[in-house]
PDB file of N, CA and C in Angstrom:
ATOM      1  N   MET A   1     -19.986 -12.185  20.728  1.00  0.00           N
ATOM      2  CA  MET A   1     -18.559 -12.720  20.831  1.00  0.00           C
ATOM      3  C   MET A   1     -17.656 -11.885  20.683  1.00  0.00           C
ATOM      4  N   ASN A   2     -16.776 -11.515  21.590  1.00  0.00           N
ATOM      5  CA  ASN A   2     -15.450 -11.023  21.582  1.00  0.00           C
ATOM      6  C   ASN A   2     -14.365 -11.524  21.305  1.00  0.00           C
ATOM      7  N   ILE A   3     -13.519 -11.121  20.181  1.00  0.00           N
ATOM      8  CA  ILE A   3     -12.168 -11.794  19.940  1.00  0.00           C
ATOM      9  C   ILE A   3     -11.149 -10.732  19.983  1.00  0.00           C
ATOM     10  N   THR A   4     -10.062 -10.919  20.751  1.00  0.00           N
ATOM     11  CA  THR A   4      -9.060  -9.945  20.970  1.00  0.00           C
ATOM     12  C   THR A   4      -7.753 -10.702  20.171  1.00  0.00           C
ATOM     13  N   VAL A   5      -7.370  -9.809  19.483  1.00  0.00           N
ATOM     14  CA  VAL A   5      -5.972 -10.219  18.542  1.00  0.00           C
ATOM     15  C   VAL A   5      -4.987  -9.432  19.131  1.00  0.00           C
ATOM     16  N   HIS A   6      -3.791 -10.068  19.439  1.00  0.00           N
ATOM     17  CA  HIS A   6      -2.540  -9.410  19.920  1.00  0.00           C
ATOM     18  C   HIS A   6      -1.581  -9.849  18.764  1.00  0.00           C
ATOM     19  N   GLN A   7      -1.112  -8.865  18.452  1.00  0.00           N
ATOM     20  CA  GLN A   7       0.074  -9.258  17.084  1.00  0.00           C
ATOM     21  C   GLN A   7       1.198  -8.162  16.944  1.00  0.00           C
ATOM     22  N   SER A   8       2.274  -8.838  16.631  1.00  0.00           N
ATOM     23  CA  SER A   8       3.547  -7.832  16.478  1.00  0.00           C
ATOM     24  C   SER A   8       3.917  -8.017  14.932  1.00  0.00           C
ATOM     25  N   ILE A   9       4.215  -7.091  14.289  1.00  0.00           N
ATOM     26  CA  ILE A   9       4.690  -7.051  12.914  1.00  0.00           C
ATOM     27  C   ILE A   9       6.072  -6.433  12.592  1.00  0.00           C
ATOM     28  N   HIS A  10       6.801  -6.987  12.014  1.00  0.00           N
ATOM     29  CA  HIS A  10       8.164  -6.548  11.800  1.00  0.00           C
ATOM     30  C   HIS A  10       8.428  -6.458  10.140  1.00  0.00           C
ATOM     31  N   ILE A  11       8.312  -5.328   9.430  1.00  0.00           N
ATOM     32  CA  ILE A  11       8.672  -5.559   7.999  1.00  0.00           C
ATOM     33  C   ILE A  11      10.052  -4.961   7.714  1.00  0.00           C
ATOM     34  N   ASN A  12      10.885  -5.867   7.217  1.00  0.00           N
ATOM     35  CA  ASN A  12      12.164  -5.347   6.779  1.00  0.00           C
ATOM     36  C   ASN A  12      12.013  -4.698   5.323  1.00  0.00           C
ATOM     37  N   LEU A  13      11.264  -5.320   4.698  1.00  0.00           N
ATOM     38  CA  LEU A  13      11.158  -4.721   3.281  1.00  0.00           C
ATOM     39  C   LEU A  13       9.828  -5.176   2.555  1.00  0.00           C
ATOM     40  N   LEU A  14       9.035  -3.790   2.396  1.00  0.00           N
ATOM     41  CA  LEU A  14       7.992  -4.245   1.621  1.00  0.00           C
ATOM     42  C   LEU A  14       7.881  -3.294   0.113  1.00  0.00           C
ATOM     43  N   LYS A  15       7.725  -4.243  -0.646  1.00  0.00           N
ATOM     44  CA  LYS A  15       7.963  -3.989  -2.363  1.00  0.00           C
ATOM     45  C   LYS A  15       6.524  -3.917  -2.891  1.00  0.00           C
ATOM     46  N   VAL A  16       5.932  -2.860  -3.198  1.00  0.00           N
ATOM     47  CA  VAL A  16       4.644  -3.138  -3.876  1.00  0.00           C
ATOM     48  C   VAL A  16       4.927  -2.543  -5.380  1.00  0.00           C
ATOM     49  N   GLY A  17       4.419  -3.395  -6.223  1.00  0.00           N
ATOM     50  CA  GLY A  17       4.734  -3.184  -7.751  1.00  0.00           C
ATOM     51  C   GLY A  17       3.885  -2.193  -8.168  1.00  0.00           C
ATOM     52  N   ALA A  18       2.501  -2.356  -7.636  1.00  0.00           N
ATOM     53  CA  ALA A  18       1.452  -1.405  -8.280  1.00  0.00           C
ATOM     54  C   ALA A  18       0.081  -1.785  -7.301  1.00  0.00           C
ATOM     55  N   ILE A  19      -0.818  -0.526  -7.331  1.00  0.00           N
ATOM     56  CA  ILE A  19      -1.905  -0.553  -6.697  1.00  0.00           C
ATOM     57  C   ILE A  19      -2.604   0.074  -7.526  1.00  0.00           C
ATOM     58  N   SER A  20      -3.827  -0.703  -7.948  1.00  0.00           N
ATOM     59  CA  SER A  20      -5.035  -0.210  -8.933  1.00  0.00           C
ATOM     60  C   SER A  20      -6.169   0.412  -8.078  1.00  0.00           C
ATOM     61  N   ASN A  21      -7.133   0.484  -8.837  1.00  0.00           N
ATOM     62  CA  ASN A  21      -8.240   1.098  -8.065  1.00  0.00           C
ATOM     63  C   ASN A  21      -9.127   0.259  -7.258  1.00  0.00           C
ATOM     64  N   SER A  22      -8.882  -1.013  -7.456  1.00  0.00           N
ATOM     65  CA  SER A  22      -9.694  -2.356  -6.885  1.00  0.00           C
ATOM     66  C   SER A  22      -8.659  -3.067  -6.026  1.00  0.00           C
ATOM     67  N   SER A  23      -7.480  -2.565  -5.627  1.00  0.00           N
ATOM     68  CA  SER A  23      -6.446  -3.343  -4.937  1.00  0.00           C
ATOM     69  C   SER A  23      -6.604  -2.952  -3.453  1.00  0.00           C
ATOM     70  N   VAL A  24      -6.093  -4.085  -2.632  1.00  0.00           N
ATOM     71  CA  VAL A  24      -6.132  -3.937  -1.053  1.00  0.00           C
ATOM     72  C   VAL A  24      -4.977  -4.096  -0.793  1.00  0.00           C
ATOM     73  N   LEU A  25      -4.139  -3.264  -0.100  1.00  0.00           N
ATOM     74  CA  LEU A  25      -2.830  -3.727   0.674  1.00  0.00           C
ATOM     75  C   LEU A  25      -3.288  -3.719   2.072  1.00  0.00           C
ATOM     76  N   GLN A  26      -3.021  -4.966   2.891  1.00  0.00           N
ATOM     77  CA  GLN A  26      -3.631  -5.093   4.190  1.00  0.00           C
ATOM     78  C   GLN A  26      -2.244  -5.505   5.080  1.00  0.00           C
ATOM     79  N   ILE A  27      -1.815  -4.865   6.038  1.00  0.00           N
ATOM     80  CA  ILE A  27      -0.913  -5.414   6.886  1.00  0.00           C
ATOM     81  C   ILE A  27      -1.452  -5.426   8.284  1.00  0.00           C
ATOM     82  N   GLY A  28      -1.510  -6.742   8.867  1.00  0.00           N
ATOM     83  CA  GLY A  28      -1.935  -7.188  10.244  1.00  0.00           C
ATOM     84  C   GLY A  28      -3.665  -7.333   9.951  1.00  0.00           C
ATOM     85  N   SER A  29      -4.517  -7.607  11.065  1.00  0.00           N
ATOM     86  CA  SER A  29      -5.986  -8.185  10.809  1.00  0.00           C
ATOM     87  C   SER A  29      -6.972  -7.043  10.732  1.00  0.00           C
ATOM     88  N   THR A  30      -8.043  -7.398  10.362  1.00  0.00           N
ATOM     89  CA  THR A  30      -9.180  -6.514  10.361  1.00  0.00           C
ATOM     90  C   THR A  30     -10.468  -7.254  10.585  1.00  0.00           C
ATOM     91  N   GLY A  31     -11.562  -6.389  11.158  1.00  0.00           N
ATOM     92  CA  GLY A  31     -12.747  -7.120  10.999  1.00  0.00           C
ATOM     93  C   GLY A  31     -13.549  -7.465   9.845  1.00  0.00           C
ATOM     94  N   ALA A  32     -13.590  -6.427   9.123  1.00  0.00           N
ATOM     95  CA  ALA A  32     -14.113  -6.507   7.703  1.00  0.00           C
ATOM     96  C   ALA A  32     -13.659  -5.580   6.844  1.00  0.00           C
ATOM     97  N   ILE A  33     -13.631  -5.734   5.678  1.00  0.00           N
ATOM     98  CA  ILE A  33     -13.270  -4.944   4.475  1.00  0.00           C
ATOM     99  C   ILE A  33     -14.551  -4.966   3.799  1.00  0.00           C
ATOM    100  N   GLN A  34     -15.140  -3.417   3.311  1.00  0.00           N
ATOM    101  CA  GLN A  34     -16.160  -3.523   2.533  1.00  0.00           C
ATOM    102  C   GLN A  34     -15.576  -2.610   1.240  1.00  0.00           C
ATOM    103  N   ALA A  35     -15.919  -3.138   0.060  1.00  0.00           N
ATOM    104  CA  ALA A  35     -15.799  -2.584  -1.216  1.00  0.00           C
ATOM    105  C   ALA A  35     -16.293  -1.483  -1.293  1.00  0.00           C
ATOM    106  N   LYS A  36     -15.520  -0.163  -1.757  1.00  0.00           N
ATOM    107  CA  LYS A  36     -16.149   1.273  -2.211  1.00  0.00           C
ATOM    108  C   LYS A  36     -15.203   1.657  -3.148  1.00  0.00           C
ATOM    109  N   SER A  37     -16.119   2.037  -4.263  1.00  0.00           N
ATOM    110  CA  SER A  37     -15.229   2.611  -5.490  1.00  0.00           C
ATOM    111  C   SER A  37     -15.796   3.820  -5.911  1.00  0.00           C
ATOM    112  N   GLU A  38     -15.136   4.829  -6.243  1.00  0.00           N
ATOM    113  CA  GLU A  38     -15.547   6.177  -6.820  1.00  0.00           C
ATOM    114  C   GLU A  38     -14.694   6.644  -7.661  1.00  0.00           C
ATOM    115  N   LEU A  39     -15.120   6.835  -8.877  1.00  0.00           N
ATOM    116  CA  LEU A  39     -14.513   7.525  -9.828  1.00  0.00           C
ATOM    117  C   LEU A  39     -14.981   8.982 -10.212  1.00  0.00           C
ATOM    118  N   TYR A  40     -14.189   9.755 -10.271  1.00  0.00           N
ATOM    119  CA  TYR A  40     -14.645  11.316 -10.508  1.00  0.00           C
ATOM    120  C   TYR A  40     -13.795  11.893 -11.849  1.00  0.00           C
ATOM    121  N   ASN A  41     -14.296  12.855 -12.658  1.00  0.00           N
ATOM    122  CA  ASN A  41     -13.475  13.437 -13.349  1.00  0.00           C
ATOM    123  C   ASN A  41     -13.619  15.147 -13.166  1.00  0.00           C
ATOM    124  N   SER A  42     -13.166  15.362 -12.088  1.00  0.00           N
ATOM    125  CA  SER A  42     -13.616  16.802 -11.626  1.00  0.00           C
ATOM    126  C   SER A  42     -12.617  17.662 -12.485  1.00  0.00           C
ATOM    127  N   GLY A  43     -11.736  17.319 -13.207  1.00  0.00           N
ATOM    128  CA  GLY A  43     -11.117  18.491 -13.999  1.00  0.00           C
ATOM    129  C   GLY A  43     -11.955  18.599 -15.440  1.00  0.00           C
ATOM    130  N   GLY A  44     -12.615  17.873 -15.550  1.00  0.00           N
ATOM    131  CA  GLY A  44     -13.253  17.750 -17.000  1.00  0.00           C
ATOM    132  C   GLY A  44     -12.326  17.201 -18.125  1.00  0.00           C
ATOM    133  N   PHE A  45     -11.487  16.441 -17.914  1.00  0.00           N
ATOM    134  CA  PHE A  45     -10.462  16.060 -18.938  1.00  0.00           C
ATOM    135  C   PHE A  45     -11.445  15.036 -19.913  1.00  0.00           C
ATOM    136  N   THR A  46     -10.750  15.061 -21.249  1.00  0.00           N
ATOM    137  CA  THR A  46     -11.277  14.402 -22.343  1.00  0.00           C
ATOM    138  C   THR A  46     -10.489  13.333 -23.067  1.00  0.00           C
ATOM    139  N   GLU A  47      -9.233  13.357 -22.668  1.00  0.00           N
ATOM    140  CA  GLU A  47      -8.118  12.529 -23.106  1.00  0.00           C
ATOM    141  C   GLU A  47      -7.402  11.782 -21.913  1.00  0.00           C
ATOM    142  N   PHE A  48      -6.544  10.653 -22.231  1.00  0.00           N
ATOM    143  CA  PHE A  48      -6.070  10.198 -21.258  1.00  0.00           C
ATOM    144  C   PHE A  48      -4.429  10.898 -20.914  1.00  0.00           C
ATOM    145  N   ALA A  49      -3.856  10.919 -19.919  1.00  0.00           N
ATOM    146  CA  ALA A  49      -2.553  11.567 -19.472  1.00  0.00           C
ATOM    147  C   ALA A  49      -1.572  10.850 -20.214  1.00  0.00           C
ATOM    148  N   GLU A  50      -0.406  11.347 -20.603  1.00  0.00           N
ATOM    149  CA  GLU A  50       0.592  10.863 -21.130  1.00  0.00           C
ATOM    150  C   GLU A  50       1.209   9.754 -20.078  1.00  0.00           C
ATOM    151  N   GLU A  51       1.810   8.836 -20.745  1.00  0.00           N
ATOM    152  CA  GLU A  51       2.298   7.884 -20.125  1.00  0.00           C
ATOM    153  C   GLU A  51       3.768   8.327 -18.979  1.00  0.00           C
ATOM    154  N   ALA A  52       3.896   7.991 -17.783  1.00  0.00           N
ATOM    155  CA  ALA A  52       4.735   8.505 -16.850  1.00  0.00           C
ATOM    156  C   ALA A  52       6.230   7.796 -17.412  1.00  0.00           C
ATOM    157  N   LYS A  53       7.232   8.309 -17.154  1.00  0.00           N
ATOM    158  CA  LYS A  53       8.633   7.882 -17.461  1.00  0.00           C
ATOM    159  C   LYS A  53       9.447   7.810 -16.148  1.00  0.00           C
ATOM    160  N   ALA A  54      10.024   6.891 -16.003  1.00  0.00           N
ATOM    161  CA  ALA A  54      10.887   6.558 -15.042  1.00  0.00           C
ATOM    162  C   ALA A  54      12.011   7.670 -14.918  1.00  0.00           C
ATOM    163  N   GLN A  55      12.570   8.282 -13.857  1.00  0.00           N
ATOM    164  CA  GLN A  55      13.421   9.204 -13.906  1.00  0.00           C
ATOM    165  C   GLN A  55      14.651   8.861 -13.004  1.00  0.00           C
ATOM    166  N   GLY A  56      14.865   7.634 -12.758  1.00  0.00           N
ATOM    167  CA  GLY A  56      16.137   7.167 -12.160  1.00  0.00           C
ATOM    168  C   GLY A  56      15.512   6.311 -10.708  1.00  0.00           C
ATOM    169  N   GLN A  57      16.721   5.888 -10.255  1.00  0.00           N
ATOM    170  CA  GLN A  57      16.313   5.212  -9.174  1.00  0.00           C
ATOM    171  C   GLN A  57      16.567   5.790  -7.991  1.00  0.00           C
ATOM    172  N   TYR A  58      15.486   5.467  -6.807  1.00  0.00           N
ATOM    173  CA  TYR A  58      15.621   6.599  -5.725  1.00  0.00           C
ATOM    174  C   TYR A  58      15.626   5.551  -4.510  1.00  0.00           C
ATOM    175  N   SER A  59      16.365   6.103  -3.318  1.00  0.00           N
ATOM    176  CA  SER A  59      16.341   5.177  -2.200  1.00  0.00           C
ATOM    177  C   SER A  59      14.902   5.586  -1.434  1.00  0.00           C
ATOM    178  N   PRO A  60      14.758   4.464  -0.760  1.00  0.00           N
ATOM    179  CA  PRO A  60      13.620   4.501   0.094  1.00  0.00           C
ATOM    180  C   PRO A  60      13.461   5.786   0.845  1.00  0.00           C
ATOM    181  N   VAL A  61      12.170   6.367   1.166  1.00  0.00           N
ATOM    182  CA  VAL A  61      12.014   7.486   1.959  1.00  0.00           C
ATOM    183  C   VAL A  61      12.391   7.287   3.477  1.00  0.00           C
ATOM    184  N   VAL A  62      11.892   5.813   3.884  1.00  0.00           N
ATOM    185  CA  VAL A  62      12.293   5.460   5.389  1.00  0.00           C
ATOM    186  C   VAL A  62      13.259   4.266   5.156  1.00  0.00           C
ATOM    187  N   GLN A  63      14.199   4.569   5.788  1.00  0.00           N
ATOM    188  CA  GLN A  63      15.412   3.544   6.011  1.00  0.00           C
ATOM    189  C   GLN A  63      15.029   2.679   6.959  1.00  0.00           C
ATOM    190  N   LEU A  64      14.901   1.381   6.708  1.00  0.00           N
ATOM    191  CA  LEU A  64      14.690   0.152   7.389  1.00  0.00           C
ATOM    192  C   LEU A  64      15.804  -0.482   7.812  1.00  0.00           C
ATOM    193  N   ALA A  65      16.040  -0.620   9.133  1.00  0.00           N
ATOM    194  CA  ALA A  65      17.370  -1.444   9.872  1.00  0.00           C
ATOM    195  C   ALA A  65      16.901  -2.888   9.916  1.00  0.00           C
ATOM    196  N   PRO A  66      17.925  -3.626   9.270  1.00  0.00           N
ATOM    197  CA  PRO A  66      17.653  -5.138   9.818  1.00  0.00           C
ATOM    198  C   PRO A  66      17.602  -5.515  11.048  1.00  0.00           C
ATOM    199  N   GLN A  67      16.788  -6.461  11.609  1.00  0.00           N
ATOM    200  CA  GLN A  67      16.703  -6.933  13.135  1.00  0.00           C
ATOM    201  C   GLN A  67      16.905  -8.362  13.159  1.00  0.00           C
ATOM    202  N   SER A  68      17.496  -8.565  14.138  1.00  0.00           N
ATOM    203  CA  SER A  68      17.819  -9.910  14.616  1.00  0.00           C
ATOM    204  C   SER A  68      16.607 -10.620  14.791  1.00  0.00           C
ATOM    205  N   PRO A  69      16.297 -11.720  14.488  1.00  0.00           N
ATOM    206  CA  PRO A  69      15.262 -12.566  14.857  1.00  0.00           C
ATOM    207  C   PRO A  69      14.694 -13.096  16.316  1.00  0.00           C
ATOM    208  N   PHE A  70      16.002 -12.586  16.959  1.00  0.00           N
ATOM    209  CA  PHE A  70      15.693 -13.076  18.432  1.00  0.00           C
ATOM    210  C   PHE A  70      15.784 -11.831  19.466  1.00  0.00           C
ATOM    211  N   THR A  71      15.282 -10.435  18.778  1.00  0.00           N
ATOM    212  CA  THR A  71      15.026  -9.779  19.587  1.00  0.00           C
ATOM    213  C   THR A  71      13.678  -9.554  20.324  1.00  0.00           C
TER     214      THR A  71
END
């Protein structure tokens, strides 16, 4: 059975708080998502890294212009 999906996605603002090792961020549709998780310590680290500190507020890399819902 073949299914054809036509879609149009308009995103004015996408705010992601956090993505962890087991998170999935999906926009649109997919046939199947298969879980895969790999964790490597290629640097041979023995301690956790220091906590990251915020350095200020930044503007988005890509400026998104608001669109009329009737376009």
